[in-house]
PDB file of N, CA and C in Angstrom:
ATOM      1  N   UNK A   1     -10.701   6.171 100.686  1.00  0.00           N
ATOM      2  CA  UNK A   1     -11.491   5.189  99.969  1.00  0.00           C
ATOM      3  C   UNK A   1     -10.558   4.347  99.106  1.00  0.00           C
ATOM      4  N   UNK A   2     -10.527   3.032  99.297  1.00  0.00           N
ATOM      5  CA  UNK A   2      -9.624   2.204  98.514  1.00  0.00           C
ATOM      6  C   UNK A   2     -10.086   2.125  97.061  1.00  0.00           C
ATOM      7  N   UNK A   3      -9.115   2.111  96.188  1.00  0.00           N
ATOM      8  CA  UNK A   3      -9.452   2.031  94.767  1.00  0.00           C
ATOM      9  C   UNK A   3      -9.616   0.566  94.369  1.00  0.00           C
ATOM     10  N   UNK A   4     -10.609   0.329  93.588  1.00  0.00           N
ATOM     11  CA  UNK A   4     -10.904  -1.024  93.109  1.00  0.00           C
ATOM     12  C   UNK A   4     -10.577  -1.074  91.624  1.00  0.00           C
ATOM     13  N   UNK A   5      -9.686  -1.979  91.247  1.00  0.00           N
ATOM     14  CA  UNK A   5      -9.253  -2.051  89.853  1.00  0.00           C
ATOM     15  C   UNK A   5     -10.282  -2.740  88.960  1.00  0.00           C
ATOM     16  N   UNK A   6     -11.272  -3.397  89.552  1.00  0.00           N
ATOM     17  CA  UNK A   6     -12.267  -4.097  88.752  1.00  0.00           C
ATOM     18  C   UNK A   6     -13.269  -3.104  88.187  1.00  0.00           C
ATOM     19  N   UNK A   7     -13.631  -3.331  86.975  1.00  0.00           N
ATOM     20  CA  UNK A   7     -14.623  -2.497  86.300  1.00  0.00           C
ATOM     21  C   UNK A   7     -16.018  -3.026  86.638  1.00  0.00           C
ATOM     22  N   UNK A   8     -16.898  -2.223  87.270  1.00  0.00           N
ATOM     23  CA  UNK A   8     -18.221  -2.727  87.654  1.00  0.00           C
ATOM     24  C   UNK A   8     -19.082  -3.085  86.445  1.00  0.00           C
ATOM     25  N   UNK A   9     -18.913  -2.386  85.355  1.00  0.00           N
ATOM     26  CA  UNK A   9     -19.677  -2.698  84.142  1.00  0.00           C
ATOM     27  C   UNK A   9     -19.260  -4.065  83.598  1.00  0.00           C
ATOM     28  N   UNK A  10     -17.963  -4.329  83.613  1.00  0.00           N
ATOM     29  CA  UNK A  10     -17.469  -5.614  83.136  1.00  0.00           C
ATOM     30  C   UNK A  10     -17.965  -6.742  84.034  1.00  0.00           C
ATOM     31  N   UNK A  11     -17.972  -6.505  85.357  1.00  0.00           N
ATOM     32  CA  UNK A  11     -18.470  -7.519  86.291  1.00  0.00           C
ATOM     33  C   UNK A  11     -19.945  -7.818  86.040  1.00  0.00           C
ATOM     34  N   UNK A  12     -20.742  -6.771  85.854  1.00  0.00           N
ATOM     35  CA  UNK A  12     -22.164  -6.956  85.581  1.00  0.00           C
ATOM     36  C   UNK A  12     -22.376  -7.705  84.271  1.00  0.00           C
ATOM     37  N   UNK A  13     -21.599  -7.339  83.258  1.00  0.00           N
ATOM     38  CA  UNK A  13     -21.709  -8.002  81.959  1.00  0.00           C
ATOM     39  C   UNK A  13     -21.358  -9.486  82.080  1.00  0.00           C
ATOM     40  N   UNK A  14     -20.312  -9.795  82.840  1.00  0.00           N
ATOM     41  CA  UNK A  14     -19.911 -11.188  83.036  1.00  0.00           C
ATOM     42  C   UNK A  14     -20.984 -11.976  83.791  1.00  0.00           C
ATOM     43  N   UNK A  15     -21.572 -11.350  84.800  1.00  0.00           N
ATOM     44  CA  UNK A  15     -22.633 -12.023  85.564  1.00  0.00           C
ATOM     45  C   UNK A  15     -23.861 -12.295  84.697  1.00  0.00           C
ATOM     46  N   UNK A  16     -24.237 -11.324  83.864  1.00  0.00           N
ATOM     47  CA  UNK A  16     -25.385 -11.527  82.971  1.00  0.00           C
ATOM     48  C   UNK A  16     -25.097 -12.621  81.942  1.00  0.00           C
ATOM     49  N   UNK A  17     -23.896 -12.622  81.396  1.00  0.00           N
ATOM     50  CA  UNK A  17     -23.532 -13.673  80.435  1.00  0.00           C
ATOM     51  C   UNK A  17     -23.562 -15.045  81.088  1.00  0.00           C
ATOM     52  N   UNK A  18     -23.076 -15.134  82.315  1.00  0.00           N
ATOM     53  CA  UNK A  18     -23.080 -16.412  83.022  1.00  0.00           C
ATOM     54  C   UNK A  18     -24.511 -16.845  83.327  1.00  0.00           C
ATOM     55  N   UNK A  19     -25.381 -15.904  83.690  1.00  0.00           N
ATOM     56  CA  UNK A  19     -26.771 -16.230  84.012  1.00  0.00           C
ATOM     57  C   UNK A  19     -27.509 -16.776  82.799  1.00  0.00           C
ATOM     58  N   UNK A  20     -27.275 -16.174  81.629  1.00  0.00           N
ATOM     59  CA  UNK A  20     -27.968 -16.605  80.425  1.00  0.00           C
ATOM     60  C   UNK A  20     -27.225 -17.686  79.654  1.00  0.00           C
ATOM     61  N   UNK A  21     -26.134 -18.193  80.192  1.00  0.00           N
ATOM     62  CA  UNK A  21     -25.433 -19.311  79.579  1.00  0.00           C
ATOM     63  C   UNK A  21     -24.446 -18.929  78.506  1.00  0.00           C
ATOM     64  N   UNK A  22     -24.013 -17.664  78.450  1.00  0.00           N
ATOM     65  CA  UNK A  22     -23.071 -17.222  77.428  1.00  0.00           C
ATOM     66  C   UNK A  22     -21.713 -16.863  78.012  1.00  0.00           C
ATOM     67  N   UNK A  23     -21.342 -17.461  79.130  1.00  0.00           N
ATOM     68  CA  UNK A  23     -20.101 -17.073  79.793  1.00  0.00           C
ATOM     69  C   UNK A  23     -18.891 -17.556  78.993  1.00  0.00           C
ATOM     70  N   UNK A  24     -17.861 -16.726  79.017  1.00  0.00           N
ATOM     71  CA  UNK A  24     -16.598 -17.084  78.377  1.00  0.00           C
ATOM     72  C   UNK A  24     -15.750 -17.809  79.408  1.00  0.00           C
ATOM     73  N   UNK A  25     -15.218 -18.939  79.031  1.00  0.00           N
ATOM     74  CA  UNK A  25     -14.365 -19.674  79.956  1.00  0.00           C
ATOM     75  C   UNK A  25     -12.932 -19.252  79.672  1.00  0.00           C
ATOM     76  N   UNK A  26     -12.451 -18.274  80.443  1.00  0.00           N
ATOM     77  CA  UNK A  26     -11.124 -17.722  80.204  1.00  0.00           C
ATOM     78  C   UNK A  26     -10.034 -18.582  80.820  1.00  0.00           C
ATOM     79  N   UNK A  27     -10.314 -19.211  81.933  1.00  0.00           N
ATOM     80  CA  UNK A  27      -9.313 -20.012  82.622  1.00  0.00           C
ATOM     81  C   UNK A  27      -9.347 -21.426  82.033  1.00  0.00           C
ATOM     82  N   UNK A  28      -8.377 -21.740  81.218  1.00  0.00           N
ATOM     83  CA  UNK A  28      -8.356 -23.043  80.532  1.00  0.00           C
ATOM     84  C   UNK A  28      -7.960 -24.177  81.470  1.00  0.00           C
ATOM     85  N   UNK A  29      -7.303 -23.862  82.583  1.00  0.00           N
ATOM     86  CA  UNK A  29      -6.883 -24.921  83.501  1.00  0.00           C
ATOM     87  C   UNK A  29      -7.992 -25.308  84.476  1.00  0.00           C
ATOM     88  N   UNK A  30      -9.018 -24.494  84.571  1.00  0.00           N
ATOM     89  CA  UNK A  30     -10.112 -24.788  85.503  1.00  0.00           C
ATOM     90  C   UNK A  30     -10.963 -25.926  84.943  1.00  0.00           C
ATOM     91  N   UNK A  31     -11.651 -26.584  85.841  1.00  0.00           N
ATOM     92  CA  UNK A  31     -12.547 -27.653  85.421  1.00  0.00           C
ATOM     93  C   UNK A  31     -13.725 -27.068  84.657  1.00  0.00           C
ATOM     94  N   UNK A  32     -14.203 -27.786  83.656  1.00  0.00           N
ATOM     95  CA  UNK A  32     -15.352 -27.256  82.909  1.00  0.00           C
ATOM     96  C   UNK A  32     -16.587 -27.238  83.800  1.00  0.00           C
ATOM     97  N   UNK A  33     -17.466 -26.260  83.543  1.00  0.00           N
ATOM     98  CA  UNK A  33     -18.682 -26.122  84.333  1.00  0.00           C
ATOM     99  C   UNK A  33     -19.674 -27.231  84.013  1.00  0.00           C
ATOM    100  N   UNK A  34     -20.651 -27.359  84.877  1.00  0.00           N
ATOM    101  CA  UNK A  34     -21.674 -28.370  84.658  1.00  0.00           C
ATOM    102  C   UNK A  34     -22.511 -27.994  83.443  1.00  0.00           C
ATOM    103  N   UNK A  35     -22.931 -28.988  82.722  1.00  0.00           N
ATOM    104  CA  UNK A  35     -23.877 -28.729  81.647  1.00  0.00           C
ATOM    105  C   UNK A  35     -25.209 -28.399  82.284  1.00  0.00           C
ATOM    106  N   UNK A  36     -25.790 -27.303  81.875  1.00  0.00           N
ATOM    107  CA  UNK A  36     -27.056 -26.916  82.464  1.00  0.00           C
ATOM    108  C   UNK A  36     -28.009 -26.462  81.370  1.00  0.00           C
ATOM    109  N   UNK A  37     -29.253 -26.511  81.708  1.00  0.00           N
ATOM    110  CA  UNK A  37     -30.291 -26.119  80.772  1.00  0.00           C
ATOM    111  C   UNK A  37     -30.291 -24.602  80.650  1.00  0.00           C
ATOM    112  N   UNK A  38     -30.199 -24.122  79.455  1.00  0.00           N
ATOM    113  CA  UNK A  38     -30.202 -22.688  79.248  1.00  0.00           C
ATOM    114  C   UNK A  38     -31.582 -22.124  79.549  1.00  0.00           C
ATOM    115  N   UNK A  39     -31.621 -20.928  80.079  1.00  0.00           N
ATOM    116  CA  UNK A  39     -32.894 -20.302  80.420  1.00  0.00           C
ATOM    117  C   UNK A  39     -33.712 -20.035  79.163  1.00  0.00           C
ATOM    118  N   UNK A  40     -33.052 -19.912  78.021  1.00  0.00           N
ATOM    119  CA  UNK A  40     -33.785 -19.645  76.777  1.00  0.00           C
ATOM    120  C   UNK A  40     -34.624 -20.848  76.368  1.00  0.00           C
ATOM    121  N   UNK A  41     -34.161 -22.059  76.669  1.00  0.00           N
ATOM    122  CA  UNK A  41     -34.968 -23.238  76.383  1.00  0.00           C
ATOM    123  C   UNK A  41     -36.234 -23.229  77.227  1.00  0.00           C
ATOM    124  N   UNK A  42     -36.116 -22.806  78.466  1.00  0.00           N
ATOM    125  CA  UNK A  42     -37.264 -22.726  79.358  1.00  0.00           C
ATOM    126  C   UNK A  42     -38.269 -21.686  78.863  1.00  0.00           C
ATOM    127  N   UNK A  43     -37.784 -20.521  78.468  1.00  0.00           N
ATOM    128  CA  UNK A  43     -38.667 -19.469  77.952  1.00  0.00           C
ATOM    129  C   UNK A  43     -39.361 -19.943  76.675  1.00  0.00           C
ATOM    130  N   UNK A  44     -38.623 -20.562  75.789  1.00  0.00           N
ATOM    131  CA  UNK A  44     -39.202 -21.069  74.549  1.00  0.00           C
ATOM    132  C   UNK A  44     -40.248 -22.148  74.827  1.00  0.00           C
ATOM    133  N   UNK A  45     -39.984 -23.022  75.758  1.00  0.00           N
ATOM    134  CA  UNK A  45     -40.943 -24.071  76.110  1.00  0.00           C
ATOM    135  C   UNK A  45     -42.218 -23.479  76.683  1.00  0.00           C
ATOM    136  N   UNK A  46     -42.110 -22.455  77.508  1.00  0.00           N
ATOM    137  CA  UNK A  46     -43.296 -21.816  78.082  1.00  0.00           C
ATOM    138  C   UNK A  46     -44.147 -21.188  76.990  1.00  0.00           C
ATOM    139  N   UNK A  47     -43.521 -20.490  76.053  1.00  0.00           N
ATOM    140  CA  UNK A  47     -44.279 -19.890  74.950  1.00  0.00           C
ATOM    141  C   UNK A  47     -44.934 -20.959  74.084  1.00  0.00           C
ATOM    142  N   UNK A  48     -44.232 -22.029  73.811  1.00  0.00           N
ATOM    143  CA  UNK A  48     -44.771 -23.093  72.981  1.00  0.00           C
ATOM    144  C   UNK A  48     -45.964 -23.773  73.656  1.00  0.00           C
ATOM    145  N   UNK A  49     -45.848 -24.054  74.938  1.00  0.00           N
ATOM    146  CA  UNK A  49     -46.938 -24.698  75.663  1.00  0.00           C
ATOM    147  C   UNK A  49     -48.150 -23.775  75.747  1.00  0.00           C
ATOM    148  N   UNK A  50     -47.926 -22.486  75.976  1.00  0.00           N
ATOM    149  CA  UNK A  50     -49.061 -21.561  76.044  1.00  0.00           C
ATOM    150  C   UNK A  50     -49.739 -21.438  74.684  1.00  0.00           C
ATOM    151  N   UNK A  51     -48.973 -21.474  73.601  1.00  0.00           N
ATOM    152  CA  UNK A  51     -49.573 -21.439  72.259  1.00  0.00           C
ATOM    153  C   UNK A  51     -50.418 -22.679  72.011  1.00  0.00           C
ATOM    154  N   UNK A  52     -49.893 -23.840  72.372  1.00  0.00           N
ATOM    155  CA  UNK A  52     -50.669 -25.073  72.191  1.00  0.00           C
ATOM    156  C   UNK A  52     -51.932 -25.063  73.031  1.00  0.00           C
ATOM    157  N   UNK A  53     -51.835 -24.591  74.257  1.00  0.00           N
ATOM    158  CA  UNK A  53     -52.994 -24.541  75.139  1.00  0.00           C
ATOM    159  C   UNK A  53     -54.077 -23.632  74.560  1.00  0.00           C
ATOM    160  N   UNK A  54     -53.679 -22.468  74.045  1.00  0.00           N
ATOM    161  CA  UNK A  54     -54.656 -21.546  73.475  1.00  0.00           C
ATOM    162  C   UNK A  54     -55.286 -22.103  72.213  1.00  0.00           C
ATOM    163  N   UNK A  55     -54.512 -22.740  71.373  1.00  0.00           N
ATOM    164  CA  UNK A  55     -55.057 -23.223  70.106  1.00  0.00           C
ATOM    165  C   UNK A  55     -55.948 -24.446  70.287  1.00  0.00           C
ATOM    166  N   UNK A  56     -55.727 -25.239  71.327  1.00  0.00           N
ATOM    167  CA  UNK A  56     -56.513 -26.451  71.508  1.00  0.00           C
ATOM    168  C   UNK A  56     -57.688 -26.281  72.460  1.00  0.00           C
ATOM    169  N   UNK A  57     -57.612 -25.351  73.393  1.00  0.00           N
ATOM    170  CA  UNK A  57     -58.636 -25.294  74.425  1.00  0.00           C
ATOM    171  C   UNK A  57     -59.739 -24.277  74.157  1.00  0.00           C
ATOM    172  N   UNK A  58     -59.477 -23.273  73.371  1.00  0.00           N
ATOM    173  CA  UNK A  58     -60.485 -22.254  73.149  1.00  0.00           C
ATOM    174  C   UNK A  58     -61.482 -22.709  72.089  1.00  0.00           C
ATOM    175  N   UNK A  59     -62.775 -22.537  72.350  1.00  0.00           N
ATOM    176  CA  UNK A  59     -63.760 -22.894  71.329  1.00  0.00           C
ATOM    177  C   UNK A  59     -63.704 -21.896  70.179  1.00  0.00           C
ATOM    178  N   UNK A  60     -63.980 -22.387  69.006  1.00  0.00           N
ATOM    179  CA  UNK A  60     -63.974 -21.528  67.829  1.00  0.00           C
ATOM    180  C   UNK A  60     -65.293 -20.772  67.772  1.00  0.00           C
ATOM    181  N   UNK A  61     -65.225 -19.448  67.692  1.00  0.00           N
ATOM    182  CA  UNK A  61     -66.420 -18.622  67.625  1.00  0.00           C
ATOM    183  C   UNK A  61     -66.442 -17.878  66.306  1.00  0.00           C
ATOM    184  N   UNK A  62     -67.636 -17.597  65.855  1.00  0.00           N
ATOM    185  CA  UNK A  62     -67.813 -16.861  64.612  1.00  0.00           C
ATOM    186  C   UNK A  62     -68.672 -15.649  64.919  1.00  0.00           C
ATOM    187  N   UNK A  63     -68.244 -14.505  64.488  1.00  0.00           N
ATOM    188  CA  UNK A  63     -68.991 -13.274  64.704  1.00  0.00           C
ATOM    189  C   UNK A  63     -69.927 -13.065  63.527  1.00  0.00           C
ATOM    190  N   UNK A  64     -71.203 -12.781  63.841  1.00  0.00           N
ATOM    191  CA  UNK A  64     -72.188 -12.523  62.789  1.00  0.00           C
ATOM    192  C   UNK A  64     -72.827 -11.168  63.051  1.00  0.00           C
ATOM    193  N   UNK A  65     -73.442 -10.636  62.028  1.00  0.00           N
ATOM    194  CA  UNK A  65     -74.128  -9.355  62.154  1.00  0.00           C
ATOM    195  C   UNK A  65     -75.415  -9.536  62.965  1.00  0.00           C
ATOM    196  N   UNK A  66     -75.870  -8.462  63.597  1.00  0.00           N
ATOM    197  CA  UNK A  66     -77.069  -8.535  64.415  1.00  0.00           C
ATOM    198  C   UNK A  66     -78.292  -8.862  63.557  1.00  0.00           C
ATOM    199  N   UNK A  67     -78.333  -8.335  62.339  1.00  0.00           N
ATOM    200  CA  UNK A  67     -79.475  -8.618  61.457  1.00  0.00           C
ATOM    201  C   UNK A  67     -79.530 -10.106  61.117  1.00  0.00           C
ATOM    202  N   UNK A  68     -78.393 -10.723  60.928  1.00  0.00           N
ATOM    203  CA  UNK A  68     -78.366 -12.158  60.656  1.00  0.00           C
ATOM    204  C   UNK A  68     -78.807 -12.942  61.897  1.00  0.00           C
ATOM    205  N   UNK A  69     -78.408 -12.466  63.079  1.00  0.00           N
ATOM    206  CA  UNK A  69     -78.845 -13.105  64.321  1.00  0.00           C
ATOM    207  C   UNK A  69     -80.366 -13.035  64.442  1.00  0.00           C
ATOM    208  N   UNK A  70     -80.940 -11.889  64.119  1.00  0.00           N
ATOM    209  CA  UNK A  70     -82.399 -11.750  64.179  1.00  0.00           C
ATOM    210  C   UNK A  70     -83.072 -12.701  63.196  1.00  0.00           C
ATOM    211  N   UNK A  71     -82.467 -12.890  62.022  1.00  0.00           N
ATOM    212  CA  UNK A  71     -83.027 -13.847  61.055  1.00  0.00           C
ATOM    213  C   UNK A  71     -82.999 -15.259  61.610  1.00  0.00           C
ATOM    214  N   UNK A  72     -81.907 -15.622  62.250  1.00  0.00           N
ATOM    215  CA  UNK A  72     -81.814 -16.965  62.855  1.00  0.00           C
ATOM    216  C   UNK A  72     -82.863 -17.158  63.941  1.00  0.00           C
ATOM    217  N   UNK A  73     -83.126 -16.090  64.714  1.00  0.00           N
ATOM    218  CA  UNK A  73     -84.149 -16.179  65.756  1.00  0.00           C
ATOM    219  C   UNK A  73     -85.518 -16.364  65.118  1.00  0.00           C
ATOM    220  N   UNK A  74     -85.809 -15.600  64.075  1.00  0.00           N
ATOM    221  CA  UNK A  74     -87.089 -15.710  63.385  1.00  0.00           C
ATOM    222  C   UNK A  74     -87.278 -17.100  62.781  1.00  0.00           C
ATOM    223  N   UNK A  75     -86.185 -17.691  62.280  1.00  0.00           N
ATOM    224  CA  UNK A  75     -86.272 -19.021  61.672  1.00  0.00           C
ATOM    225  C   UNK A  75     -86.307 -20.126  62.738  1.00  0.00           C
ATOM    226  N   UNK A  76     -86.059 -19.778  63.972  1.00  0.00           N
ATOM    227  CA  UNK A  76     -86.085 -20.762  65.050  1.00  0.00           C
ATOM    228  C   UNK A  76     -84.782 -21.541  65.194  1.00  0.00           C
ATOM    229  N   UNK A  77     -83.697 -21.037  64.606  1.00  0.00           N
ATOM    230  CA  UNK A  77     -82.403 -21.726  64.702  1.00  0.00           C
ATOM    231  C   UNK A  77     -81.675 -21.418  66.004  1.00  0.00           C
ATOM    232  N   UNK A  78     -82.098 -20.328  66.688  1.00  0.00           N
ATOM    233  CA  UNK A  78     -81.474 -19.942  67.952  1.00  0.00           C
ATOM    234  C   UNK A  78     -82.527 -20.033  69.031  1.00  0.00           C
ATOM    235  N   UNK A  79     -82.170 -20.659  70.116  1.00  0.00           N
ATOM    236  CA  UNK A  79     -83.144 -20.745  71.210  1.00  0.00           C
ATOM    237  C   UNK A  79     -82.712 -19.898  72.387  1.00  0.00           C
TER     238      UNK A  79
END
């Protein structure tokens, strides 16, 4: 079995850092990478949009006691 000098944990760590936009650019002579949108901006945008959707689209409801509901029915306020 040939020995591999690369550390698999280090490789995995480097791949995860590159995926999430935190990669270290060790080779200074290489061309800089493309500017790309970080995945964290996408996650933050999804949470923000879902919060806005929930706050604007759901009707406001008020919970009342059953005895108060019966009073409203007796008064003719509920049909």
